[in-house]
Amino acid sequence: MFSVDEARQRLHAVLPRIDELIVLRADLAELRADLSTEGSSPLGGVAEAKALEARIYSLLEYLSGQKIQVKGFAPVLLDFPGERDGVPVLWCWLEGDSDITWYHRSDCGFPGRRRI
């Protein structure tokens, strides 16, 4: 369980890995698009696609190992388990947010998001 401050600290500690994940995700999307339409890509071929997939999977495992719940990949959506006023919540971060400024009850999901 994270306090909101602990969740924010953990987020900022893993942001370089999230930035890497976003770049790899874009590279993989372009590579797959090129391969499906052109048959080749400046980014490589099937072997490079498999390597990108493996690196992405490794980063997702790393985040999970940090007790961060990965709820989305495109865009990246992360939840940090916590508690607010005795109620289980998830401190919520969405790609593009500068910090964790949202939460939702664990049983409500993304539609139940509220500002902290």
PDB file of N, CA and C in Angstrom:
ATOM      1  N   MET A   1       0.841  -1.183   0.000  1.00  0.00           N
ATOM      2  CA  MET A   1       0.000   0.000   0.000  1.00  0.00           C
ATOM      3  C   MET A   1       0.887   1.248   0.000  1.00  0.00           C
ATOM      4  N   PHE A   2       0.503   2.182  -0.827  1.00  0.00           N
ATOM      5  CA  PHE A   2       1.231   3.438  -0.948  1.00  0.00           C
ATOM      6  C   PHE A   2       0.399   4.572  -0.353  1.00  0.00           C
ATOM      7  N   SER A   3       1.047   5.480   0.357  1.00  0.00           N
ATOM      8  CA  SER A   3       0.416   6.778   0.608  1.00  0.00           C
ATOM      9  C   SER A   3       0.501   7.540  -0.708  1.00  0.00           C
ATOM     10  N   VAL A   4      -0.233   8.620  -0.840  1.00  0.00           N
ATOM     11  CA  VAL A   4      -0.164   9.377  -2.089  1.00  0.00           C
ATOM     12  C   VAL A   4       1.256   9.916  -2.303  1.00  0.00           C
ATOM     13  N   ASP A   5       1.922  10.326  -1.233  1.00  0.00           N
ATOM     14  CA  ASP A   5       3.301  10.818  -1.375  1.00  0.00           C
ATOM     15  C   ASP A   5       4.253   9.704  -1.804  1.00  0.00           C
ATOM     16  N   GLU A   6       4.080   8.505  -1.248  1.00  0.00           N
ATOM     17  CA  GLU A   6       4.911   7.375  -1.651  1.00  0.00           C
ATOM     18  C   GLU A   6       4.658   6.994  -3.109  1.00  0.00           C
ATOM     19  N   ALA A   7       3.392   7.046  -3.527  1.00  0.00           N
ATOM     20  CA  ALA A   7       3.058   6.744  -4.924  1.00  0.00           C
ATOM     21  C   ALA A   7       3.725   7.750  -5.853  1.00  0.00           C
ATOM     22  N   ARG A   8       3.693   9.008  -5.469  1.00  0.00           N
ATOM     23  CA  ARG A   8       4.327  10.040  -6.294  1.00  0.00           C
ATOM     24  C   ARG A   8       5.838   9.816  -6.374  1.00  0.00           C
ATOM     25  N   GLN A   9       6.449   9.460  -5.249  1.00  0.00           N
ATOM     26  CA  GLN A   9       7.890   9.190  -5.258  1.00  0.00           C
ATOM     27  C   GLN A   9       8.209   8.001  -6.158  1.00  0.00           C
ATOM     28  N   ARG A  10       7.411   6.953  -6.064  1.00  0.00           N
ATOM     29  CA  ARG A  10       7.650   5.764  -6.887  1.00  0.00           C
ATOM     30  C   ARG A  10       7.468   6.111  -8.361  1.00  0.00           C
ATOM     31  N   LEU A  11       6.419   6.889  -8.679  1.00  0.00           N
ATOM     32  CA  LEU A  11       6.201   7.296 -10.066  1.00  0.00           C
ATOM     33  C   LEU A  11       7.420   8.023 -10.601  1.00  0.00           C
ATOM     34  N   HIS A  12       7.905   9.004  -9.866  1.00  0.00           N
ATOM     35  CA  HIS A  12       9.037   9.792 -10.355  1.00  0.00           C
ATOM     36  C   HIS A  12      10.306   8.940 -10.474  1.00  0.00           C
ATOM     37  N   ALA A  13      10.418   7.907  -9.640  1.00  0.00           N
ATOM     38  CA  ALA A  13      11.573   7.010  -9.736  1.00  0.00           C
ATOM     39  C   ALA A  13      11.523   6.157 -11.005  1.00  0.00           C
ATOM     40  N   VAL A  14      10.310   5.816 -11.470  1.00  0.00           N
ATOM     41  CA  VAL A  14      10.186   4.940 -12.641  1.00  0.00           C
ATOM     42  C   VAL A  14       9.906   5.697 -13.943  1.00  0.00           C
ATOM     43  N   LEU A  15       9.763   7.006 -13.883  1.00  0.00           N
ATOM     44  CA  LEU A  15       9.461   7.772 -15.104  1.00  0.00           C
ATOM     45  C   LEU A  15      10.461   7.536 -16.242  1.00  0.00           C
ATOM     46  N   PRO A  16      11.767   7.423 -15.978  1.00  0.00           N
ATOM     47  CA  PRO A  16      12.671   7.132 -17.103  1.00  0.00           C
ATOM     48  C   PRO A  16      12.317   5.816 -17.807  1.00  0.00           C
ATOM     49  N   ARG A  17      11.889   4.827 -17.048  1.00  0.00           N
ATOM     50  CA  ARG A  17      11.492   3.549 -17.665  1.00  0.00           C
ATOM     51  C   ARG A  17      10.181   3.695 -18.431  1.00  0.00           C
ATOM     52  N   ILE A  18       9.282   4.510 -17.921  1.00  0.00           N
ATOM     53  CA  ILE A  18       8.017   4.748 -18.629  1.00  0.00           C
ATOM     54  C   ILE A  18       8.296   5.493 -19.931  1.00  0.00           C
ATOM     55  N   ASP A  19       9.190   6.474 -19.887  1.00  0.00           N
ATOM     56  CA  ASP A  19       9.575   7.186 -21.111  1.00  0.00           C
ATOM     57  C   ASP A  19      10.159   6.220 -22.141  1.00  0.00           C
ATOM     58  N   GLU A  20      10.984   5.297 -21.678  1.00  0.00           N
ATOM     59  CA  GLU A  20      11.556   4.290 -22.577  1.00  0.00           C
ATOM     60  C   GLU A  20      10.452   3.412 -23.162  1.00  0.00           C
ATOM     61  N   LEU A  21       9.501   3.020 -22.332  1.00  0.00           N
ATOM     62  CA  LEU A  21       8.375   2.207 -22.781  1.00  0.00           C
ATOM     63  C   LEU A  21       7.594   2.907 -23.888  1.00  0.00           C
ATOM     64  N   ILE A  22       7.371   4.196 -23.737  1.00  0.00           N
ATOM     65  CA  ILE A  22       6.612   4.966 -24.727  1.00  0.00           C
ATOM     66  C   ILE A  22       7.365   5.018 -26.060  1.00  0.00           C
ATOM     67  N   VAL A  23       8.675   5.212 -26.014  1.00  0.00           N
ATOM     68  CA  VAL A  23       9.481   5.234 -27.237  1.00  0.00           C
ATOM     69  C   VAL A  23       9.457   3.866 -27.914  1.00  0.00           C
ATOM     70  N   LEU A  24       9.648   2.812 -27.126  1.00  0.00           N
ATOM     71  CA  LEU A  24       9.636   1.457 -27.687  1.00  0.00           C
ATOM     72  C   LEU A  24       8.282   1.120 -28.296  1.00  0.00           C
ATOM     73  N   ARG A  25       7.218   1.537 -27.630  1.00  0.00           N
ATOM     74  CA  ARG A  25       5.859   1.303 -28.130  1.00  0.00           C
ATOM     75  C   ARG A  25       5.676   1.958 -29.494  1.00  0.00           C
ATOM     76  N   ALA A  26       6.146   3.197 -29.647  1.00  0.00           N
ATOM     77  CA  ALA A  26       6.029   3.910 -30.921  1.00  0.00           C
ATOM     78  C   ALA A  26       6.888   3.232 -31.995  1.00  0.00           C
ATOM     79  N   ASP A  27       8.105   2.841 -31.627  1.00  0.00           N
ATOM     80  CA  ASP A  27       8.975   2.146 -32.586  1.00  0.00           C
ATOM     81  C   ASP A  27       8.322   0.858 -33.069  1.00  0.00           C
ATOM     82  N   LEU A  28       7.756   0.100 -32.151  1.00  0.00           N
ATOM     83  CA  LEU A  28       7.125  -1.160 -32.514  1.00  0.00           C
ATOM     84  C   LEU A  28       5.909  -0.933 -33.410  1.00  0.00           C
ATOM     85  N   ALA A  29       5.122   0.090 -33.107  1.00  0.00           N
ATOM     86  CA  ALA A  29       3.955   0.386 -33.945  1.00  0.00           C
ATOM     87  C   ALA A  29       4.378   0.739 -35.366  1.00  0.00           C
ATOM     88  N   GLU A  30       5.403   1.577 -35.500  1.00  0.00           N
ATOM     89  CA  GLU A  30       5.887   1.956 -36.827  1.00  0.00           C
ATOM     90  C   GLU A  30       6.496   0.763 -37.564  1.00  0.00           C
ATOM     91  N   LEU A  31       7.267  -0.024 -36.849  1.00  0.00           N
ATOM     92  CA  LEU A  31       7.892  -1.195 -37.456  1.00  0.00           C
ATOM     93  C   LEU A  31       6.826  -2.172 -37.960  1.00  0.00           C
ATOM     94  N   ARG A  32       5.836  -2.448 -37.153  1.00  0.00           N
ATOM     95  CA  ARG A  32       4.764  -3.358 -37.573  1.00  0.00           C
ATOM     96  C   ARG A  32       3.997  -2.807 -38.769  1.00  0.00           C
ATOM     97  N   ALA A  33       3.715  -1.496 -38.741  1.00  0.00           N
ATOM     98  CA  ALA A  33       2.995  -0.884 -39.865  1.00  0.00           C
ATOM     99  C   ALA A  33       3.805  -0.992 -41.150  1.00  0.00           C
ATOM    100  N   ASP A  34       5.090  -0.682 -41.063  1.00  0.00           N
ATOM    101  CA  ASP A  34       5.957  -0.780 -42.243  1.00  0.00           C
ATOM    102  C   ASP A  34       6.024  -2.215 -42.770  1.00  0.00           C
ATOM    103  N   LEU A  35       6.196  -3.155 -41.864  1.00  0.00           N
ATOM    104  CA  LEU A  35       6.316  -4.549 -42.292  1.00  0.00           C
ATOM    105  C   LEU A  35       5.030  -5.056 -42.936  1.00  0.00           C
ATOM    106  N   SER A  36       3.886  -4.604 -42.424  1.00  0.00           N
ATOM    107  CA  SER A  36       2.623  -5.094 -42.984  1.00  0.00           C
ATOM    108  C   SER A  36       2.288  -4.450 -44.324  1.00  0.00           C
ATOM    109  N   THR A  37       2.766  -3.217 -44.553  1.00  0.00           N
ATOM    110  CA  THR A  37       2.436  -2.548 -45.812  1.00  0.00           C
ATOM    111  C   THR A  37       3.564  -2.598 -46.833  1.00  0.00           C
ATOM    112  N   GLU A  38       4.796  -2.482 -46.363  1.00  0.00           N
ATOM    113  CA  GLU A  38       5.943  -2.401 -47.259  1.00  0.00           C
ATOM    114  C   GLU A  38       6.767  -3.680 -47.298  1.00  0.00           C
ATOM    115  N   GLY A  39       6.654  -4.476 -46.240  1.00  0.00           N
ATOM    116  CA  GLY A  39       7.462  -5.684 -46.157  1.00  0.00           C
ATOM    117  C   GLY A  39       8.843  -5.462 -45.571  1.00  0.00           C
ATOM    118  N   SER A  40       9.210  -4.183 -45.385  1.00  0.00           N
ATOM    119  CA  SER A  40      10.493  -3.846 -44.776  1.00  0.00           C
ATOM    120  C   SER A  40      10.341  -2.507 -44.047  1.00  0.00           C
ATOM    121  N   SER A  41      11.347  -2.189 -43.224  1.00  0.00           N
ATOM    122  CA  SER A  41      11.296  -0.955 -42.447  1.00  0.00           C
ATOM    123  C   SER A  41      12.706  -0.483 -42.139  1.00  0.00           C
ATOM    124  N   PRO A  42      12.901   0.833 -42.058  1.00  0.00           N
ATOM    125  CA  PRO A  42      14.202   1.336 -41.613  1.00  0.00           C
ATOM    126  C   PRO A  42      14.502   0.924 -40.169  1.00  0.00           C
ATOM    127  N   LEU A  43      13.452   0.535 -39.432  1.00  0.00           N
ATOM    128  CA  LEU A  43      13.632   0.119 -38.040  1.00  0.00           C
ATOM    129  C   LEU A  43      14.027  -1.354 -37.919  1.00  0.00           C
ATOM    130  N   GLY A  44      14.015  -2.086 -39.040  1.00  0.00           N
ATOM    131  CA  GLY A  44      14.422  -3.481 -38.998  1.00  0.00           C
ATOM    132  C   GLY A  44      13.352  -4.406 -39.533  1.00  0.00           C
ATOM    133  N   GLY A  45      13.429  -5.635 -39.063  1.00  0.00           N
ATOM    134  CA  GLY A  45      12.500  -6.657 -39.531  1.00  0.00           C
ATOM    135  C   GLY A  45      11.861  -7.387 -38.365  1.00  0.00           C
ATOM    136  N   VAL A  46      11.497  -8.612 -38.616  1.00  0.00           N
ATOM    137  CA  VAL A  46      10.803  -9.413 -37.603  1.00  0.00           C
ATOM    138  C   VAL A  46      11.661  -9.586 -36.347  1.00  0.00           C
ATOM    139  N   ALA A  47      12.946  -9.804 -36.518  1.00  0.00           N
ATOM    140  CA  ALA A  47      13.831  -9.988 -35.356  1.00  0.00           C
ATOM    141  C   ALA A  47      13.837  -8.741 -34.474  1.00  0.00           C
ATOM    142  N   GLU A  48      13.874  -7.570 -35.104  1.00  0.00           N
ATOM    143  CA  GLU A  48      13.862  -6.319 -34.331  1.00  0.00           C
ATOM    144  C   GLU A  48      12.508  -6.122 -33.641  1.00  0.00           C
ATOM    145  N   ALA A  49      11.440  -6.515 -34.312  1.00  0.00           N
ATOM    146  CA  ALA A  49      10.105  -6.429 -33.694  1.00  0.00           C
ATOM    147  C   ALA A  49      10.047  -7.314 -32.453  1.00  0.00           C
ATOM    148  N   LYS A  50      10.569  -8.526 -32.565  1.00  0.00           N
ATOM    149  CA  LYS A  50      10.585  -9.441 -31.419  1.00  0.00           C
ATOM    150  C   LYS A  50      11.437  -8.873 -30.282  1.00  0.00           C
ATOM    151  N   ALA A  51      12.553  -8.234 -30.621  1.00  0.00           N
ATOM    152  CA  ALA A  51      13.407  -7.627 -29.595  1.00  0.00           C
ATOM    153  C   ALA A  51      12.689  -6.476 -28.900  1.00  0.00           C
ATOM    154  N   LEU A  52      11.971  -5.660 -29.663  1.00  0.00           N
ATOM    155  CA  LEU A  52      11.195  -4.571 -29.062  1.00  0.00           C
ATOM    156  C   LEU A  52      10.118  -5.129 -28.138  1.00  0.00           C
ATOM    157  N   GLU A  53       9.427  -6.167 -28.595  1.00  0.00           N
ATOM    158  CA  GLU A  53       8.395  -6.787 -27.762  1.00  0.00           C
ATOM    159  C   GLU A  53       8.992  -7.312 -26.453  1.00  0.00           C
ATOM    160  N   ALA A  54      10.148  -7.930 -26.540  1.00  0.00           N
ATOM    161  CA  ALA A  54      10.791  -8.473 -25.345  1.00  0.00           C
ATOM    162  C   ALA A  54      11.180  -7.360 -24.374  1.00  0.00           C
ATOM    163  N   ARG A  55      11.709  -6.270 -24.911  1.00  0.00           N
ATOM    164  CA  ARG A  55      12.097  -5.149 -24.037  1.00  0.00           C
ATOM    165  C   ARG A  55      10.867  -4.519 -23.398  1.00  0.00           C
ATOM    166  N   ILE A  56       9.787  -4.373 -24.147  1.00  0.00           N
ATOM    167  CA  ILE A  56       8.540  -3.827 -23.600  1.00  0.00           C
ATOM    168  C   ILE A  56       8.026  -4.731 -22.486  1.00  0.00           C
ATOM    169  N   TYR A  57       8.017  -6.034 -22.737  1.00  0.00           N
ATOM    170  CA  TYR A  57       7.563  -6.985 -21.731  1.00  0.00           C
ATOM    171  C   TYR A  57       8.421  -6.878 -20.468  1.00  0.00           C
ATOM    172  N   SER A  58       9.727  -6.732 -20.634  1.00  0.00           N
ATOM    173  CA  SER A  58      10.633  -6.590 -19.503  1.00  0.00           C
ATOM    174  C   SER A  58      10.306  -5.333 -18.685  1.00  0.00           C
ATOM    175  N   LEU A  59      10.018  -4.234 -19.359  1.00  0.00           N
ATOM    176  CA  LEU A  59       9.669  -2.995 -18.648  1.00  0.00           C
ATOM    177  C   LEU A  59       8.343  -3.138 -17.905  1.00  0.00           C
ATOM    178  N   LEU A  60       7.382  -3.816 -18.514  1.00  0.00           N
ATOM    179  CA  LEU A  60       6.095  -4.038 -17.842  1.00  0.00           C
ATOM    180  C   LEU A  60       6.281  -4.924 -16.609  1.00  0.00           C
ATOM    181  N   GLU A  61       7.136  -5.934 -16.709  1.00  0.00           N
ATOM    182  CA  GLU A  61       7.445  -6.778 -15.551  1.00  0.00           C
ATOM    183  C   GLU A  61       8.132  -5.975 -14.451  1.00  0.00           C
ATOM    184  N   TYR A  62       9.031  -5.082 -14.851  1.00  0.00           N
ATOM    185  CA  TYR A  62       9.715  -4.230 -13.881  1.00  0.00           C
ATOM    186  C   TYR A  62       8.699  -3.393 -13.103  1.00  0.00           C
ATOM    187  N   LEU A  63       7.760  -2.770 -13.807  1.00  0.00           N
ATOM    188  CA  LEU A  63       6.753  -1.942 -13.141  1.00  0.00           C
ATOM    189  C   LEU A  63       5.918  -2.780 -12.185  1.00  0.00           C
ATOM    190  N   SER A  64       5.534  -3.947 -12.617  1.00  0.00           N
ATOM    191  CA  SER A  64       4.770  -4.846 -11.757  1.00  0.00           C
ATOM    192  C   SER A  64       5.573  -5.224 -10.516  1.00  0.00           C
ATOM    193  N   GLY A  65       6.848  -5.435 -10.681  1.00  0.00           N
ATOM    194  CA  GLY A  65       7.720  -5.745  -9.558  1.00  0.00           C
ATOM    195  C   GLY A  65       7.865  -4.598  -8.573  1.00  0.00           C
ATOM    196  N   GLN A  66       7.536  -3.406  -9.003  1.00  0.00           N
ATOM    197  CA  GLN A  66       7.557  -2.221  -8.144  1.00  0.00           C
ATOM    198  C   GLN A  66       6.214  -2.031  -7.437  1.00  0.00           C
ATOM    199  N   LYS A  67       5.337  -3.026  -7.547  1.00  0.00           N
ATOM    200  CA  LYS A  67       3.988  -3.016  -6.953  1.00  0.00           C
ATOM    201  C   LYS A  67       3.079  -1.988  -7.611  1.00  0.00           C
ATOM    202  N   ILE A  68       3.396  -1.673  -8.869  1.00  0.00           N
ATOM    203  CA  ILE A  68       2.582  -0.751  -9.665  1.00  0.00           C
ATOM    204  C   ILE A  68       1.711  -1.596 -10.582  1.00  0.00           C
ATOM    205  N   GLN A  69       0.432  -1.283 -10.623  1.00  0.00           N
ATOM    206  CA  GLN A  69      -0.497  -1.995 -11.494  1.00  0.00           C
ATOM    207  C   GLN A  69      -0.552  -1.292 -12.845  1.00  0.00           C
ATOM    208  N   VAL A  70      -0.215  -2.004 -13.894  1.00  0.00           N
ATOM    209  CA  VAL A  70      -0.285  -1.452 -15.247  1.00  0.00           C
ATOM    210  C   VAL A  70      -1.670  -1.778 -15.783  1.00  0.00           C
ATOM    211  N   LYS A  71      -2.480  -0.740 -15.964  1.00  0.00           N
ATOM    212  CA  LYS A  71      -3.856  -0.933 -16.419  1.00  0.00           C
ATOM    213  C   LYS A  71      -4.030  -0.614 -17.891  1.00  0.00           C
ATOM    214  N   GLY A  72      -3.056   0.070 -18.462  1.00  0.00           N
ATOM    215  CA  GLY A  72      -3.126   0.410 -19.870  1.00  0.00           C
ATOM    216  C   GLY A  72      -1.736   0.571 -20.445  1.00  0.00           C
ATOM    217  N   PHE A  73      -1.654   0.350 -21.748  1.00  0.00           N
ATOM    218  CA  PHE A  73      -0.368   0.369 -22.440  1.00  0.00           C
ATOM    219  C   PHE A  73      -0.307   1.489 -23.468  1.00  0.00           C
ATOM    220  N   ALA A  74      -1.444   1.832 -24.055  1.00  0.00           N
ATOM    221  CA  ALA A  74      -1.499   2.892 -25.061  1.00  0.00           C
ATOM    222  C   ALA A  74      -2.832   3.618 -24.919  1.00  0.00           C
ATOM    223  N   PRO A  75      -2.897   4.618 -24.100  1.00  0.00           N
ATOM    224  CA  PRO A  75      -1.836   5.251 -23.316  1.00  0.00           C
ATOM    225  C   PRO A  75      -1.500   4.444 -22.063  1.00  0.00           C
ATOM    226  N   VAL A  76      -0.336   4.748 -21.501  1.00  0.00           N
ATOM    227  CA  VAL A  76       0.081   4.098 -20.265  1.00  0.00           C
ATOM    228  C   VAL A  76      -0.822   4.592 -19.135  1.00  0.00           C
ATOM    229  N   LEU A  77      -1.383   3.646 -18.407  1.00  0.00           N
ATOM    230  CA  LEU A  77      -2.248   3.942 -17.266  1.00  0.00           C
ATOM    231  C   LEU A  77      -1.754   3.101 -16.098  1.00  0.00           C
ATOM    232  N   LEU A  78      -1.355   3.763 -15.026  1.00  0.00           N
ATOM    233  CA  LEU A  78      -0.796   3.083 -13.865  1.00  0.00           C
ATOM    234  C   LEU A  78      -1.637   3.359 -12.632  1.00  0.00           C
ATOM    235  N   ASP A  79      -1.781   2.330 -11.793  1.00  0.00           N
ATOM    236  CA  ASP A  79      -2.459   2.465 -10.508  1.00  0.00           C
ATOM    237  C   ASP A  79      -1.508   2.031  -9.406  1.00  0.00           C
ATOM    238  N   PHE A  80      -1.560   2.763  -8.297  1.00  0.00           N
ATOM    239  CA  PHE A  80      -0.741   2.499  -7.124  1.00  0.00           C
ATOM    240  C   PHE A  80      -1.707   2.229  -5.963  1.00  0.00           C
ATOM    241  N   PRO A  81      -1.761   1.001  -5.455  1.00  0.00           N
ATOM    242  CA  PRO A  81      -2.709   0.680  -4.391  1.00  0.00           C
ATOM    243  C   PRO A  81      -2.453   1.518  -3.140  1.00  0.00           C
ATOM    244  N   GLY A  82      -3.527   2.003  -2.552  1.00  0.00           N
ATOM    245  CA  GLY A  82      -3.420   2.791  -1.337  1.00  0.00           C
ATOM    246  C   GLY A  82      -4.717   2.776  -0.561  1.00  0.00           C
ATOM    247  N   GLU A  83      -4.810   3.735   0.336  1.00  0.00           N
ATOM    248  CA  GLU A  83      -6.000   3.847   1.175  1.00  0.00           C
ATOM    249  C   GLU A  83      -6.267   5.316   1.433  1.00  0.00           C
ATOM    250  N   ARG A  84      -7.528   5.674   1.406  1.00  0.00           N
ATOM    251  CA  ARG A  84      -7.935   7.058   1.691  1.00  0.00           C
ATOM    252  C   ARG A  84      -9.116   6.996   2.639  1.00  0.00           C
ATOM    253  N   ASP A  85      -8.956   7.563   3.813  1.00  0.00           N
ATOM    254  CA  ASP A  85     -10.014   7.563   4.830  1.00  0.00           C
ATOM    255  C   ASP A  85     -10.528   6.155   5.106  1.00  0.00           C
ATOM    256  N   GLY A  86      -9.611   5.187   5.151  1.00  0.00           N
ATOM    257  CA  GLY A  86      -9.968   3.817   5.461  1.00  0.00           C
ATOM    258  C   GLY A  86     -10.564   3.025   4.313  1.00  0.00           C
ATOM    259  N   VAL A  87     -10.640   3.633   3.136  1.00  0.00           N
ATOM    260  CA  VAL A  87     -11.220   2.975   1.963  1.00  0.00           C
ATOM    261  C   VAL A  87     -10.098   2.624   0.986  1.00  0.00           C
ATOM    262  N   PRO A  88     -10.057   1.374   0.481  1.00  0.00           N
ATOM    263  CA  PRO A  88      -9.039   1.026  -0.517  1.00  0.00           C
ATOM    264  C   PRO A  88      -9.223   1.849  -1.796  1.00  0.00           C
ATOM    265  N   VAL A  89      -8.130   2.467  -2.223  1.00  0.00           N
ATOM    266  CA  VAL A  89      -8.154   3.285  -3.439  1.00  0.00           C
ATOM    267  C   VAL A  89      -6.949   2.933  -4.299  1.00  0.00           C
ATOM    268  N   LEU A  90      -6.979   3.450  -5.502  1.00  0.00           N
ATOM    269  CA  LEU A  90      -5.845   3.359  -6.400  1.00  0.00           C
ATOM    270  C   LEU A  90      -5.475   4.781  -6.805  1.00  0.00           C
ATOM    271  N   TRP A  91      -4.248   5.173  -6.476  1.00  0.00           N
ATOM    272  CA  TRP A  91      -3.722   6.455  -6.931  1.00  0.00           C
ATOM    273  C   TRP A  91      -3.420   6.264  -8.406  1.00  0.00           C
ATOM    274  N   CYS A  92      -3.955   7.125  -9.236  1.00  0.00           N
ATOM    275  CA  CYS A  92      -4.036   6.870 -10.670  1.00  0.00           C
ATOM    276  C   CYS A  92      -3.178   7.862 -11.457  1.00  0.00           C
ATOM    277  N   TRP A  93      -2.369   7.341 -12.378  1.00  0.00           N
ATOM    278  CA  TRP A  93      -1.551   8.176 -13.261  1.00  0.00           C
ATOM    279  C   TRP A  93      -1.795   7.739 -14.698  1.00  0.00           C
ATOM    280  N   LEU A  94      -2.077   8.727 -15.548  1.00  0.00           N
ATOM    281  CA  LEU A  94      -2.313   8.496 -16.967  1.00  0.00           C
ATOM    282  C   LEU A  94      -1.226   9.202 -17.761  1.00  0.00           C
ATOM    283  N   GLU A  95      -0.699   8.519 -18.769  1.00  0.00           N
ATOM    284  CA  GLU A  95       0.318   9.099 -19.641  1.00  0.00           C
ATOM    285  C   GLU A  95      -0.079  10.523 -20.019  1.00  0.00           C
ATOM    286  N   GLY A  96       0.857  11.434 -19.852  1.00  0.00           N
ATOM    287  CA  GLY A  96       0.602  12.843 -20.127  1.00  0.00           C
ATOM    288  C   GLY A  96       0.401  13.658 -18.857  1.00  0.00           C
ATOM    289  N   ASP A  97       0.000  12.992 -17.756  1.00  0.00           N
ATOM    290  CA  ASP A  97      -0.132  13.693 -16.473  1.00  0.00           C
ATOM    291  C   ASP A  97       1.254  14.031 -15.955  1.00  0.00           C
ATOM    292  N   SER A  98       1.395  15.178 -15.311  1.00  0.00           N
ATOM    293  CA  SER A  98       2.700  15.564 -14.765  1.00  0.00           C
ATOM    294  C   SER A  98       2.951  14.935 -13.399  1.00  0.00           C
ATOM    295  N   ASP A  99       1.894  14.495 -12.737  1.00  0.00           N
ATOM    296  CA  ASP A  99       2.019  13.912 -11.406  1.00  0.00           C
ATOM    297  C   ASP A  99       0.767  13.086 -11.132  1.00  0.00           C
ATOM    298  N   ILE A 100       0.720  12.457  -9.986  1.00  0.00           N
ATOM    299  CA  ILE A 100      -0.487  11.744  -9.576  1.00  0.00           C
ATOM    300  C   ILE A 100      -1.415  12.760  -8.931  1.00  0.00           C
ATOM    301  N   THR A 101      -2.503  13.048  -9.594  1.00  0.00           N
ATOM    302  CA  THR A 101      -3.477  14.013  -9.077  1.00  0.00           C
ATOM    303  C   THR A 101      -4.887  13.431  -9.034  1.00  0.00           C
ATOM    304  N   TRP A 102      -5.006  12.145  -9.325  1.00  0.00           N
ATOM    305  CA  TRP A 102      -6.299  11.461  -9.355  1.00  0.00           C
ATOM    306  C   TRP A 102      -6.243  10.187  -8.524  1.00  0.00           C
ATOM    307  N   TYR A 103      -7.395   9.765  -8.079  1.00  0.00           N
ATOM    308  CA  TYR A 103      -7.538   8.469  -7.423  1.00  0.00           C
ATOM    309  C   TYR A 103      -8.931   7.945  -7.741  1.00  0.00           C
ATOM    310  N   HIS A 104      -9.124   6.676  -7.494  1.00  0.00           N
ATOM    311  CA  HIS A 104     -10.472   6.112  -7.554  1.00  0.00           C
ATOM    312  C   HIS A 104     -10.546   4.959  -6.576  1.00  0.00           C
ATOM    313  N   ARG A 105     -11.749   4.701  -6.089  1.00  0.00           N
ATOM    314  CA  ARG A 105     -11.932   3.543  -5.226  1.00  0.00           C
ATOM    315  C   ARG A 105     -11.548   2.294  -6.000  1.00  0.00           C
ATOM    316  N   SER A 106     -11.039   1.327  -5.297  1.00  0.00           N
ATOM    317  CA  SER A 106     -10.596   0.090  -5.948  1.00  0.00           C
ATOM    318  C   SER A 106     -11.721  -0.619  -6.677  1.00  0.00           C
ATOM    319  N   ASP A 107     -12.933  -0.462  -6.191  1.00  0.00           N
ATOM    320  CA  ASP A 107     -14.078  -1.160  -6.787  1.00  0.00           C
ATOM    321  C   ASP A 107     -14.792  -0.349  -7.876  1.00  0.00           C
ATOM    322  N   CYS A 108     -14.300   0.841  -8.182  1.00  0.00           N
ATOM    323  CA  CYS A 108     -14.984   1.695  -9.171  1.00  0.00           C
ATOM    324  C   CYS A 108     -14.240   1.806 -10.499  1.00  0.00           C
ATOM    325  N   GLY A 109     -12.944   1.596 -10.504  1.00  0.00           N
ATOM    326  CA  GLY A 109     -12.190   1.700 -11.738  1.00  0.00           C
ATOM    327  C   GLY A 109     -12.097   3.120 -12.257  1.00  0.00           C
ATOM    328  N   PHE A 110     -11.581   3.219 -13.469  1.00  0.00           N
ATOM    329  CA  PHE A 110     -11.300   4.514 -14.098  1.00  0.00           C
ATOM    330  C   PHE A 110     -12.509   5.455 -14.125  1.00  0.00           C
ATOM    331  N   PRO A 111     -13.738   4.952 -14.371  1.00  0.00           N
ATOM    332  CA  PRO A 111     -14.890   5.883 -14.392  1.00  0.00           C
ATOM    333  C   PRO A 111     -15.129   6.576 -13.041  1.00  0.00           C
ATOM    334  N   GLY A 112     -14.589   6.018 -11.967  1.00  0.00           N
ATOM    335  CA  GLY A 112     -14.769   6.624 -10.648  1.00  0.00           C
ATOM    336  C   GLY A 112     -13.665   7.567 -10.231  1.00  0.00           C
ATOM    337  N   ARG A 113     -12.827   7.971 -11.192  1.00  0.00           N
ATOM    338  CA  ARG A 113     -11.705   8.862 -10.865  1.00  0.00           C
ATOM    339  C   ARG A 113     -12.169  10.188 -10.285  1.00  0.00           C
ATOM    340  N   ARG A 114     -11.436  10.615  -9.271  1.00  0.00           N
ATOM    341  CA  ARG A 114     -11.668  11.919  -8.631  1.00  0.00           C
ATOM    342  C   ARG A 114     -10.323  12.592  -8.416  1.00  0.00           C
ATOM    343  N   ARG A 115     -10.344  13.909  -8.383  1.00  0.00           N
ATOM    344  CA  ARG A 115      -9.122  14.659  -8.064  1.00  0.00           C
ATOM    345  C   ARG A 115      -8.792  14.446  -6.587  1.00  0.00           C
ATOM    346  N   ILE A 116      -7.499  14.356  -6.316  1.00  0.00           N
ATOM    347  CA  ILE A 116      -7.037  14.207  -4.925  1.00  0.00           C
ATOM    348  C   ILE A 116      -7.303  15.505  -4.182  1.00  0.00           C
TER     349      ILE A 116
END
